[in-house]
């Protein structure tokens, strides 16, 4: 009976892992082309080993959200290469590609924690700046044309900032509409107080 219990647990685990794998998104054509180009350029595989790229329907993307955050990945790569790799480590000389290097496991955790802090600080500063800078400008600009221009430009900037996050289309639209409403109400109060 104990053997059956162990076999059933293994079977459940295998089913769970299989369902997780089927839940991963398919790799985009762009991702496959980039991988193929990298393989052609750096030659890390033998010709026979590269045949997995022929069946594109079988290639998945493990972390689609990481691929959407290109700037964060580039920053992470730069920081990792600068502070966590060592020229004396022989693993960093196994490949001729300058973009491939060995990073110790604890280094990945350090970079991930640091990036979370940096991203939060940048988002906080950007959020405050997109609201405060136009408000200050509106206090000094008196002509209606330049006031409207300030609101339009600041709203577009805010919308672009929100779009660069993982916000959905509805969230981007709602946040932009709320932002434009706040700017318009503030403009109304500035105009009323000056008359």
N, C-alpha and C. Protein backbone atom coordinates (compact mmCIF):
# COMPACT_ATOMS: atom_id res chain seq x y z
N UNK A 1 0.82 -1.19 0.00
CA UNK A 1 0.00 0.00 0.00
C UNK A 1 0.87 1.27 0.00
N UNK A 2 1.99 1.24 0.70
CA UNK A 2 2.89 2.40 0.76
C UNK A 2 3.48 2.68 -0.61
N UNK A 3 3.78 1.60 -1.38
CA UNK A 3 4.33 1.79 -2.72
C UNK A 3 3.31 2.46 -3.64
N UNK A 4 2.05 2.08 -3.49
CA UNK A 4 0.99 2.70 -4.31
C UNK A 4 0.86 4.17 -3.96
N UNK A 5 0.93 4.48 -2.67
CA UNK A 5 0.84 5.88 -2.22
C UNK A 5 1.98 6.71 -2.80
N UNK A 6 3.19 6.17 -2.78
CA UNK A 6 4.35 6.88 -3.34
C UNK A 6 4.19 7.06 -4.85
N UNK A 7 3.73 6.01 -5.53
CA UNK A 7 3.54 6.09 -6.98
C UNK A 7 2.48 7.12 -7.33
N UNK A 8 1.40 7.19 -6.57
CA UNK A 8 0.34 8.18 -6.82
C UNK A 8 0.85 9.60 -6.59
N UNK A 9 1.66 9.80 -5.55
CA UNK A 9 2.23 11.11 -5.29
C UNK A 9 3.16 11.53 -6.44
N UNK A 10 3.97 10.60 -6.94
CA UNK A 10 4.85 10.89 -8.07
C UNK A 10 4.03 11.23 -9.31
N UNK A 11 2.95 10.48 -9.51
CA UNK A 11 2.08 10.72 -10.67
C UNK A 11 1.43 12.11 -10.56
N UNK A 12 0.94 12.46 -9.38
CA UNK A 12 0.34 13.79 -9.17
C UNK A 12 1.36 14.89 -9.44
N UNK A 13 2.57 14.69 -8.96
CA UNK A 13 3.64 15.67 -9.17
C UNK A 13 3.95 15.83 -10.66
N UNK A 14 4.00 14.70 -11.37
CA UNK A 14 4.26 14.75 -12.81
C UNK A 14 3.13 15.46 -13.55
N UNK A 15 1.88 15.19 -13.18
CA UNK A 15 0.74 15.88 -13.80
C UNK A 15 0.77 17.37 -13.52
N UNK A 16 1.10 17.74 -12.29
CA UNK A 16 1.18 19.15 -11.94
C UNK A 16 2.26 19.86 -12.75
N UNK A 17 3.44 19.24 -12.85
CA UNK A 17 4.54 19.83 -13.63
C UNK A 17 4.18 19.92 -15.11
N UNK A 18 3.50 18.93 -15.62
CA UNK A 18 3.08 18.94 -17.02
C UNK A 18 2.10 20.09 -17.27
N UNK A 19 1.15 20.28 -16.35
CA UNK A 19 0.18 21.38 -16.53
C UNK A 19 0.87 22.74 -16.44
N UNK A 20 1.90 22.84 -15.60
CA UNK A 20 2.65 24.09 -15.52
C UNK A 20 3.37 24.38 -16.83
N UNK A 21 3.97 23.36 -17.41
CA UNK A 21 4.71 23.54 -18.67
C UNK A 21 3.75 23.96 -19.78
N UNK A 22 2.58 23.33 -19.83
CA UNK A 22 1.61 23.70 -20.86
C UNK A 22 1.06 25.11 -20.64
N UNK A 23 1.22 25.65 -19.45
CA UNK A 23 0.75 27.01 -19.16
C UNK A 23 1.73 28.09 -19.58
N UNK A 24 2.97 27.73 -19.88
CA UNK A 24 3.94 28.74 -20.31
C UNK A 24 3.56 29.28 -21.69
N UNK A 25 3.79 30.57 -21.92
CA UNK A 25 3.45 31.12 -23.23
C UNK A 25 4.43 30.64 -24.31
N UNK A 26 3.93 30.55 -25.53
CA UNK A 26 4.79 30.18 -26.65
C UNK A 26 5.78 31.31 -26.89
N UNK A 27 6.96 30.95 -27.31
CA UNK A 27 7.98 31.97 -27.62
C UNK A 27 7.55 32.74 -28.86
N UNK A 28 7.76 34.04 -28.83
CA UNK A 28 7.42 34.86 -29.98
C UNK A 28 8.43 34.63 -31.10
N UNK A 29 8.04 34.98 -32.31
CA UNK A 29 8.94 34.84 -33.46
C UNK A 29 10.22 35.65 -33.20
N UNK A 30 10.05 36.84 -32.61
CA UNK A 30 11.21 37.69 -32.33
C UNK A 30 12.17 36.99 -31.35
N UNK A 31 11.62 36.36 -30.29
CA UNK A 31 12.47 35.66 -29.33
C UNK A 31 13.23 34.52 -29.99
N UNK A 32 12.55 33.76 -30.85
CA UNK A 32 13.19 32.63 -31.51
C UNK A 32 14.28 33.12 -32.47
N UNK A 33 13.99 34.19 -33.20
CA UNK A 33 14.99 34.73 -34.12
C UNK A 33 16.21 35.26 -33.37
N UNK A 34 15.99 35.92 -32.22
CA UNK A 34 17.11 36.41 -31.43
C UNK A 34 17.95 35.25 -30.90
N UNK A 35 17.29 34.20 -30.42
CA UNK A 35 18.02 33.03 -29.93
C UNK A 35 18.80 32.37 -31.07
N UNK A 36 18.15 32.23 -32.20
CA UNK A 36 18.81 31.62 -33.36
C UNK A 36 20.03 32.44 -33.80
N UNK A 37 19.88 33.77 -33.81
CA UNK A 37 20.99 34.64 -34.19
C UNK A 37 22.14 34.52 -33.20
N UNK A 38 21.80 34.48 -31.91
CA UNK A 38 22.84 34.33 -30.89
C UNK A 38 23.57 33.00 -31.05
N UNK A 39 22.83 31.93 -31.32
CA UNK A 39 23.45 30.62 -31.50
C UNK A 39 24.36 30.64 -32.73
N UNK A 40 23.89 31.28 -33.83
CA UNK A 40 24.73 31.36 -35.04
C UNK A 40 26.00 32.16 -34.78
N UNK A 41 25.87 33.26 -34.03
CA UNK A 41 27.02 34.12 -33.79
C UNK A 41 28.04 33.52 -32.83
N UNK A 42 27.56 32.93 -31.74
CA UNK A 42 28.49 32.47 -30.70
C UNK A 42 28.84 31.00 -30.80
N UNK A 43 28.09 30.23 -31.57
CA UNK A 43 28.36 28.81 -31.80
C UNK A 43 28.52 28.00 -30.50
N UNK A 44 27.55 28.08 -29.56
CA UNK A 44 27.69 27.29 -28.34
C UNK A 44 27.28 25.83 -28.54
N UNK A 45 26.60 25.52 -29.67
CA UNK A 45 26.08 24.18 -29.92
C UNK A 45 26.62 23.62 -31.23
N UNK A 46 26.64 22.31 -31.30
CA UNK A 46 26.96 21.64 -32.56
C UNK A 46 25.75 21.77 -33.49
N UNK A 47 25.95 21.57 -34.78
CA UNK A 47 24.87 21.73 -35.76
C UNK A 47 23.68 20.83 -35.44
N UNK A 48 23.93 19.61 -35.04
CA UNK A 48 22.85 18.68 -34.72
C UNK A 48 22.04 19.14 -33.51
N UNK A 49 22.72 19.77 -32.55
CA UNK A 49 22.05 20.23 -31.34
C UNK A 49 21.14 21.44 -31.61
N UNK A 50 21.35 22.13 -32.72
CA UNK A 50 20.56 23.32 -33.04
C UNK A 50 19.22 22.98 -33.70
N UNK A 51 18.97 21.71 -33.95
CA UNK A 51 17.76 21.32 -34.67
C UNK A 51 16.49 21.58 -33.86
N UNK A 52 16.61 21.81 -32.56
CA UNK A 52 15.41 22.08 -31.76
C UNK A 52 14.70 23.34 -32.22
N UNK A 53 15.40 24.24 -32.89
CA UNK A 53 14.79 25.47 -33.38
C UNK A 53 13.88 25.24 -34.58
N UNK A 54 13.95 24.08 -35.19
CA UNK A 54 13.15 23.80 -36.38
C UNK A 54 11.67 23.68 -36.05
N UNK A 55 11.34 23.14 -34.88
CA UNK A 55 9.93 23.01 -34.48
C UNK A 55 9.58 24.16 -33.55
N UNK A 56 9.19 25.27 -34.15
CA UNK A 56 8.94 26.48 -33.36
C UNK A 56 7.75 26.36 -32.43
N UNK A 57 6.83 25.45 -32.74
CA UNK A 57 5.65 25.28 -31.88
C UNK A 57 6.01 24.63 -30.56
N UNK A 58 7.20 24.06 -30.47
CA UNK A 58 7.61 23.37 -29.26
C UNK A 58 8.48 24.24 -28.35
N UNK A 59 8.69 25.51 -28.74
CA UNK A 59 9.55 26.38 -27.94
C UNK A 59 8.67 27.29 -27.10
N UNK A 60 8.99 27.37 -25.82
CA UNK A 60 8.20 28.20 -24.90
C UNK A 60 9.08 29.30 -24.32
N UNK A 61 8.43 30.27 -23.70
CA UNK A 61 9.12 31.33 -22.98
C UNK A 61 8.86 31.09 -21.50
N UNK A 62 9.93 30.94 -20.73
CA UNK A 62 9.75 30.63 -19.32
C UNK A 62 9.25 31.83 -18.53
N UNK A 63 9.77 33.01 -18.82
CA UNK A 63 9.39 34.20 -18.06
C UNK A 63 9.09 35.33 -19.03
N UNK A 64 7.86 35.39 -19.53
CA UNK A 64 7.47 36.44 -20.47
C UNK A 64 7.61 37.82 -19.84
N UNK A 65 7.32 37.91 -18.53
CA UNK A 65 7.40 39.22 -17.87
C UNK A 65 8.83 39.76 -17.87
N UNK A 66 9.82 38.87 -17.82
CA UNK A 66 11.21 39.34 -17.88
C UNK A 66 11.54 39.91 -19.24
N UNK A 67 11.00 39.29 -20.27
CA UNK A 67 11.28 39.77 -21.62
C UNK A 67 10.67 41.13 -21.87
N UNK A 68 9.58 41.44 -21.17
CA UNK A 68 8.94 42.74 -21.34
C UNK A 68 9.70 43.85 -20.64
N UNK A 69 10.61 43.49 -19.76
CA UNK A 69 11.35 44.49 -19.00
C UNK A 69 12.79 44.58 -19.49
N UNK A 70 12.94 44.96 -20.75
CA UNK A 70 14.25 44.99 -21.37
C UNK A 70 15.23 45.90 -20.67
N UNK A 71 14.79 47.08 -20.26
CA UNK A 71 15.68 48.03 -19.61
C UNK A 71 16.20 47.46 -18.29
N UNK A 72 15.31 46.83 -17.53
CA UNK A 72 15.73 46.23 -16.27
C UNK A 72 16.73 45.11 -16.51
N UNK A 73 16.50 44.31 -17.55
CA UNK A 73 17.43 43.22 -17.85
C UNK A 73 18.80 43.75 -18.24
N UNK A 74 18.82 44.82 -19.04
CA UNK A 74 20.10 45.40 -19.45
C UNK A 74 20.84 45.96 -18.24
N UNK A 75 20.10 46.63 -17.34
CA UNK A 75 20.72 47.15 -16.13
C UNK A 75 21.24 46.01 -15.27
N UNK A 76 20.45 44.95 -15.13
CA UNK A 76 20.88 43.79 -14.34
C UNK A 76 22.13 43.17 -14.94
N UNK A 77 22.15 43.04 -16.26
CA UNK A 77 23.33 42.47 -16.92
C UNK A 77 24.56 43.33 -16.72
N UNK A 78 24.39 44.64 -16.84
CA UNK A 78 25.52 45.56 -16.65
C UNK A 78 26.06 45.45 -15.22
N UNK A 79 25.15 45.50 -14.23
CA UNK A 79 25.58 45.43 -12.83
C UNK A 79 26.23 44.09 -12.52
N UNK A 80 25.64 43.02 -13.05
CA UNK A 80 26.19 41.69 -12.78
C UNK A 80 27.58 41.56 -13.37
N UNK A 81 27.74 42.03 -14.61
CA UNK A 81 29.05 41.89 -15.25
C UNK A 81 30.09 42.75 -14.54
N UNK A 82 29.70 43.95 -14.12
CA UNK A 82 30.65 44.88 -13.50
C UNK A 82 31.05 44.45 -12.10
N UNK A 83 30.07 43.98 -11.31
CA UNK A 83 30.36 43.75 -9.89
C UNK A 83 30.38 42.28 -9.45
N UNK A 84 29.86 41.37 -10.26
CA UNK A 84 29.74 39.99 -9.79
C UNK A 84 30.55 38.97 -10.57
N UNK A 85 31.16 39.39 -11.66
CA UNK A 85 31.97 38.44 -12.42
C UNK A 85 33.44 38.69 -12.14
N UNK A 86 34.21 37.65 -12.37
CA UNK A 86 35.64 37.75 -12.10
C UNK A 86 36.40 37.21 -13.32
N UNK A 87 37.39 37.97 -13.77
CA UNK A 87 38.21 37.51 -14.88
C UNK A 87 39.03 36.28 -14.50
N UNK A 88 39.26 36.10 -13.20
CA UNK A 88 40.05 34.95 -12.76
C UNK A 88 39.22 33.67 -12.75
N UNK A 89 37.89 33.78 -12.84
CA UNK A 89 37.02 32.60 -12.86
C UNK A 89 37.09 31.96 -14.25
N UNK A 90 37.57 30.71 -14.36
CA UNK A 90 37.72 30.09 -15.69
C UNK A 90 36.40 29.91 -16.42
N UNK A 91 35.29 29.88 -15.71
CA UNK A 91 33.98 29.71 -16.36
C UNK A 91 33.63 30.91 -17.23
N UNK A 92 34.23 32.07 -16.97
CA UNK A 92 33.95 33.25 -17.78
C UNK A 92 34.73 33.27 -19.10
N UNK A 93 35.57 32.26 -19.31
CA UNK A 93 36.36 32.22 -20.54
C UNK A 93 35.99 31.02 -21.41
N UNK A 94 34.85 30.37 -21.08
CA UNK A 94 34.42 29.20 -21.85
C UNK A 94 33.78 29.59 -23.17
N UNK A 95 33.30 30.83 -23.28
CA UNK A 95 32.59 31.26 -24.48
C UNK A 95 33.22 32.55 -24.97
N UNK A 96 33.31 32.71 -26.28
CA UNK A 96 33.92 33.92 -26.84
C UNK A 96 32.95 35.10 -26.87
N UNK A 97 31.67 34.86 -26.62
CA UNK A 97 30.67 35.93 -26.64
C UNK A 97 30.86 36.81 -25.40
N UNK A 98 31.08 38.13 -25.56
CA UNK A 98 31.30 39.00 -24.40
C UNK A 98 30.05 39.19 -23.55
N UNK A 99 28.88 38.78 -24.07
CA UNK A 99 27.64 38.93 -23.31
C UNK A 99 27.27 37.68 -22.51
N UNK A 100 28.11 36.67 -22.55
CA UNK A 100 27.87 35.44 -21.79
C UNK A 100 28.93 35.34 -20.70
N UNK A 101 28.48 35.27 -19.45
CA UNK A 101 29.42 35.18 -18.34
C UNK A 101 28.75 34.48 -17.17
N UNK A 102 29.57 33.95 -16.31
CA UNK A 102 29.09 33.19 -15.15
C UNK A 102 28.85 34.14 -13.98
N UNK A 103 27.68 33.99 -13.36
CA UNK A 103 27.35 34.78 -12.17
C UNK A 103 27.02 33.79 -11.05
N UNK A 104 27.66 33.91 -9.91
CA UNK A 104 27.33 33.01 -8.79
C UNK A 104 25.86 33.16 -8.37
N UNK A 105 25.28 32.08 -7.84
CA UNK A 105 23.86 32.09 -7.46
C UNK A 105 23.52 33.21 -6.47
N UNK A 106 24.39 33.43 -5.47
CA UNK A 106 24.09 34.48 -4.49
C UNK A 106 24.15 35.87 -5.15
N UNK A 107 24.93 36.00 -6.21
CA UNK A 107 25.01 37.27 -6.93
C UNK A 107 23.71 37.60 -7.64
N UNK A 108 23.04 36.59 -8.17
CA UNK A 108 21.75 36.82 -8.83
C UNK A 108 20.75 37.37 -7.83
N UNK A 109 20.74 36.81 -6.62
CA UNK A 109 19.82 37.30 -5.59
C UNK A 109 20.14 38.73 -5.19
N UNK A 110 21.43 39.05 -5.11
CA UNK A 110 21.82 40.42 -4.76
C UNK A 110 21.34 41.41 -5.82
N UNK A 111 21.56 41.06 -7.09
CA UNK A 111 21.14 41.94 -8.19
C UNK A 111 19.63 42.09 -8.20
N UNK A 112 18.90 40.99 -8.01
CA UNK A 112 17.43 41.06 -8.02
C UNK A 112 16.92 41.97 -6.91
N UNK A 113 17.48 41.85 -5.71
CA UNK A 113 17.06 42.71 -4.60
C UNK A 113 17.39 44.17 -4.85
N UNK A 114 18.59 44.41 -5.37
CA UNK A 114 19.00 45.78 -5.68
C UNK A 114 18.11 46.39 -6.76
N UNK A 115 17.79 45.61 -7.79
CA UNK A 115 16.95 46.12 -8.87
C UNK A 115 15.55 46.47 -8.39
N UNK A 116 15.01 45.68 -7.48
CA UNK A 116 13.68 45.99 -6.94
C UNK A 116 13.70 47.36 -6.27
N UNK A 117 14.74 47.63 -5.51
CA UNK A 117 14.85 48.92 -4.83
C UNK A 117 15.00 50.04 -5.84
N UNK A 118 15.88 49.86 -6.83
CA UNK A 118 16.10 50.89 -7.85
C UNK A 118 14.81 51.18 -8.62
N UNK A 119 14.11 50.14 -9.02
CA UNK A 119 12.87 50.32 -9.78
C UNK A 119 11.83 51.06 -8.93
N UNK A 120 11.71 50.72 -7.67
CA UNK A 120 10.74 51.42 -6.79
C UNK A 120 11.09 52.90 -6.66
N UNK A 121 12.37 53.20 -6.50
CA UNK A 121 12.79 54.59 -6.37
C UNK A 121 12.50 55.36 -7.66
N UNK A 122 12.84 54.76 -8.81
CA UNK A 122 12.59 55.41 -10.10
C UNK A 122 11.10 55.63 -10.32
N UNK A 123 10.29 54.62 -10.02
CA UNK A 123 8.83 54.75 -10.19
C UNK A 123 8.28 55.83 -9.27
N UNK A 124 8.75 55.88 -8.04
CA UNK A 124 8.27 56.90 -7.10
C UNK A 124 8.63 58.30 -7.57
N UNK A 125 9.87 58.49 -7.99
CA UNK A 125 10.30 59.81 -8.47
C UNK A 125 9.55 60.19 -9.74
N UNK A 126 9.37 59.24 -10.65
CA UNK A 126 8.65 59.52 -11.89
C UNK A 126 7.20 59.88 -11.61
N UNK A 127 6.55 59.14 -10.72
CA UNK A 127 5.15 59.42 -10.38
C UNK A 127 5.01 60.82 -9.77
N UNK A 128 5.89 61.15 -8.87
CA UNK A 128 5.82 62.48 -8.26
C UNK A 128 6.14 63.57 -9.28
N UNK A 129 7.14 63.35 -10.10
CA UNK A 129 7.55 64.37 -11.08
C UNK A 129 6.48 64.61 -12.13
N UNK A 130 5.82 63.54 -12.58
CA UNK A 130 4.79 63.74 -13.62
C UNK A 130 3.59 64.50 -13.08
N UNK A 131 3.43 64.55 -11.80
CA UNK A 131 2.32 65.34 -11.22
C UNK A 131 2.80 66.72 -10.78
N UNK A 132 3.93 66.80 -10.13
CA UNK A 132 4.37 68.07 -9.54
C UNK A 132 4.94 69.06 -10.56
N UNK A 133 5.70 68.58 -11.52
CA UNK A 133 6.31 69.50 -12.49
C UNK A 133 5.25 70.26 -13.28
N UNK A 134 4.23 69.60 -13.83
CA UNK A 134 3.19 70.36 -14.54
C UNK A 134 2.42 71.32 -13.64
N UNK A 135 2.22 70.94 -12.39
CA UNK A 135 1.51 71.84 -11.46
C UNK A 135 2.32 73.11 -11.25
N UNK A 136 3.62 72.98 -11.06
CA UNK A 136 4.47 74.15 -10.89
C UNK A 136 4.45 75.01 -12.16
N UNK A 137 4.53 74.37 -13.31
CA UNK A 137 4.50 75.12 -14.58
C UNK A 137 3.17 75.86 -14.74
N UNK A 138 2.06 75.18 -14.40
CA UNK A 138 0.75 75.81 -14.54
C UNK A 138 0.58 77.02 -13.62
N UNK A 139 1.30 77.04 -12.52
CA UNK A 139 1.22 78.19 -11.60
C UNK A 139 1.85 79.44 -12.22
N UNK A 140 2.80 79.25 -13.14
CA UNK A 140 3.51 80.39 -13.71
C UNK A 140 3.06 80.74 -15.13
N UNK A 141 2.49 79.80 -15.84
CA UNK A 141 2.04 80.05 -17.21
C UNK A 141 0.64 80.66 -17.15
N UNK A 142 0.46 81.79 -17.82
CA UNK A 142 -0.82 82.50 -17.72
C UNK A 142 -1.66 82.44 -19.00
N UNK A 143 -1.05 82.14 -20.14
CA UNK A 143 -1.84 82.11 -21.38
C UNK A 143 -2.52 80.75 -21.53
N UNK A 144 -3.80 80.75 -21.92
CA UNK A 144 -4.56 79.49 -22.04
C UNK A 144 -3.92 78.49 -23.01
N UNK A 145 -3.33 79.00 -24.10
CA UNK A 145 -2.72 78.10 -25.08
C UNK A 145 -1.58 77.30 -24.44
N UNK A 146 -0.71 77.98 -23.68
CA UNK A 146 0.42 77.29 -23.06
C UNK A 146 -0.03 76.42 -21.88
N UNK A 147 -1.10 76.82 -21.22
CA UNK A 147 -1.64 75.98 -20.15
C UNK A 147 -2.15 74.65 -20.73
N UNK A 148 -2.91 74.73 -21.84
CA UNK A 148 -3.41 73.51 -22.47
C UNK A 148 -2.25 72.66 -23.01
N UNK A 149 -1.25 73.32 -23.59
CA UNK A 149 -0.09 72.61 -24.10
C UNK A 149 0.61 71.86 -22.96
N UNK A 150 0.74 72.50 -21.81
CA UNK A 150 1.36 71.87 -20.64
C UNK A 150 0.57 70.65 -20.20
N UNK A 151 -0.75 70.76 -20.17
CA UNK A 151 -1.59 69.63 -19.76
C UNK A 151 -1.48 68.48 -20.76
N UNK A 152 -1.51 68.80 -22.05
CA UNK A 152 -1.42 67.74 -23.07
C UNK A 152 -0.08 67.02 -22.99
N UNK A 153 1.00 67.77 -22.92
CA UNK A 153 2.34 67.15 -22.87
C UNK A 153 2.51 66.34 -21.59
N UNK A 154 2.08 66.88 -20.47
CA UNK A 154 2.25 66.15 -19.21
C UNK A 154 1.37 64.90 -19.18
N UNK A 155 0.18 64.97 -19.76
CA UNK A 155 -0.69 63.79 -19.81
C UNK A 155 -0.09 62.71 -20.71
N UNK A 156 0.45 63.11 -21.85
CA UNK A 156 1.11 62.13 -22.72
C UNK A 156 2.33 61.51 -22.04
N UNK A 157 3.09 62.33 -21.32
CA UNK A 157 4.26 61.81 -20.60
C UNK A 157 3.83 60.82 -19.53
N UNK A 158 2.79 61.19 -18.78
CA UNK A 158 2.27 60.30 -17.74
C UNK A 158 1.78 58.99 -18.35
N UNK A 159 1.04 59.08 -19.44
CA UNK A 159 0.52 57.89 -20.10
C UNK A 159 1.65 56.98 -20.56
N UNK A 160 2.70 57.57 -21.11
CA UNK A 160 3.86 56.77 -21.55
C UNK A 160 4.55 56.11 -20.36
N UNK A 161 4.64 56.84 -19.24
CA UNK A 161 5.26 56.27 -18.04
C UNK A 161 4.46 55.08 -17.52
N UNK A 162 3.12 55.22 -17.52
CA UNK A 162 2.27 54.11 -17.06
C UNK A 162 2.36 52.94 -18.04
N UNK A 163 2.42 53.24 -19.33
CA UNK A 163 2.49 52.18 -20.35
C UNK A 163 3.79 51.39 -20.25
N UNK A 164 4.84 52.00 -19.70
CA UNK A 164 6.12 51.29 -19.59
C UNK A 164 6.12 50.30 -18.43
N UNK A 165 5.06 50.31 -17.63
CA UNK A 165 4.93 49.32 -16.56
C UNK A 165 4.16 48.13 -17.09
N UNK A 166 3.81 47.21 -16.21
CA UNK A 166 3.04 46.03 -16.64
C UNK A 166 1.54 46.28 -16.53
N UNK A 167 1.11 47.52 -16.64
CA UNK A 167 -0.31 47.85 -16.54
C UNK A 167 -1.06 47.36 -17.78
N UNK A 168 -2.31 46.95 -17.56
CA UNK A 168 -3.13 46.51 -18.68
C UNK A 168 -3.63 47.74 -19.44
N UNK A 169 -4.22 47.53 -20.60
CA UNK A 169 -4.73 48.64 -21.40
C UNK A 169 -5.79 49.43 -20.63
N UNK A 170 -6.66 48.73 -19.93
CA UNK A 170 -7.69 49.39 -19.14
C UNK A 170 -7.10 50.24 -18.02
N UNK A 171 -6.07 49.72 -17.37
CA UNK A 171 -5.42 50.47 -16.30
C UNK A 171 -4.72 51.71 -16.85
N UNK A 172 -4.09 51.58 -18.01
CA UNK A 172 -3.43 52.73 -18.63
C UNK A 172 -4.47 53.80 -18.97
N UNK A 173 -5.57 53.37 -19.57
CA UNK A 173 -6.63 54.31 -19.94
C UNK A 173 -7.21 54.98 -18.70
N UNK A 174 -7.53 54.21 -17.67
CA UNK A 174 -8.11 54.77 -16.45
C UNK A 174 -7.18 55.72 -15.73
N UNK A 175 -5.90 55.34 -15.62
CA UNK A 175 -4.93 56.20 -14.94
C UNK A 175 -4.72 57.50 -15.72
N UNK A 176 -4.68 57.40 -17.05
CA UNK A 176 -4.49 58.60 -17.87
C UNK A 176 -5.69 59.53 -17.76
N UNK A 177 -6.89 58.95 -17.77
CA UNK A 177 -8.09 59.77 -17.64
C UNK A 177 -8.13 60.47 -16.28
N UNK A 178 -7.77 59.74 -15.22
CA UNK A 178 -7.75 60.35 -13.88
C UNK A 178 -6.70 61.45 -13.81
N UNK A 179 -5.54 61.21 -14.38
CA UNK A 179 -4.47 62.21 -14.39
C UNK A 179 -4.93 63.48 -15.12
N UNK A 180 -5.53 63.30 -16.31
CA UNK A 180 -6.00 64.45 -17.09
C UNK A 180 -7.07 65.21 -16.31
N UNK A 181 -7.92 64.49 -15.59
CA UNK A 181 -8.96 65.14 -14.79
C UNK A 181 -8.34 65.97 -13.66
N UNK A 182 -7.34 65.42 -12.99
CA UNK A 182 -6.66 66.15 -11.91
C UNK A 182 -6.01 67.41 -12.47
N UNK A 183 -5.33 67.29 -13.61
CA UNK A 183 -4.68 68.45 -14.22
C UNK A 183 -5.71 69.52 -14.62
N UNK A 184 -6.84 69.07 -15.17
CA UNK A 184 -7.87 70.02 -15.60
C UNK A 184 -8.50 70.73 -14.41
N UNK A 185 -8.77 69.99 -13.34
CA UNK A 185 -9.32 70.61 -12.13
C UNK A 185 -8.33 71.60 -11.54
N UNK A 186 -7.04 71.23 -11.52
CA UNK A 186 -6.03 72.15 -10.99
C UNK A 186 -5.96 73.39 -11.86
N UNK A 187 -6.01 73.23 -13.19
CA UNK A 187 -5.99 74.37 -14.08
C UNK A 187 -7.19 75.27 -13.82
N UNK A 188 -8.35 74.69 -13.61
CA UNK A 188 -9.55 75.47 -13.29
C UNK A 188 -9.38 76.26 -12.01
N UNK A 189 -8.76 75.67 -11.01
CA UNK A 189 -8.55 76.40 -9.75
C UNK A 189 -7.53 77.50 -9.91
N UNK A 190 -6.50 77.29 -10.75
CA UNK A 190 -5.51 78.33 -11.02
C UNK A 190 -6.14 79.50 -11.75
N UNK A 191 -6.97 79.19 -12.74
CA UNK A 191 -7.63 80.24 -13.54
C UNK A 191 -8.59 81.02 -12.66
N UNK A 192 -9.37 80.33 -11.83
CA UNK A 192 -10.33 81.01 -10.96
C UNK A 192 -9.66 81.88 -9.90
N UNK A 193 -8.51 81.42 -9.41
CA UNK A 193 -7.84 82.20 -8.37
C UNK A 193 -7.14 83.44 -8.95
N UNK A 194 -6.82 83.40 -10.24
CA UNK A 194 -6.13 84.55 -10.85
C UNK A 194 -7.11 85.62 -11.35
N UNK A 195 -8.38 85.28 -11.40
CA UNK A 195 -9.36 86.29 -11.88
C UNK A 195 -10.04 86.99 -10.73
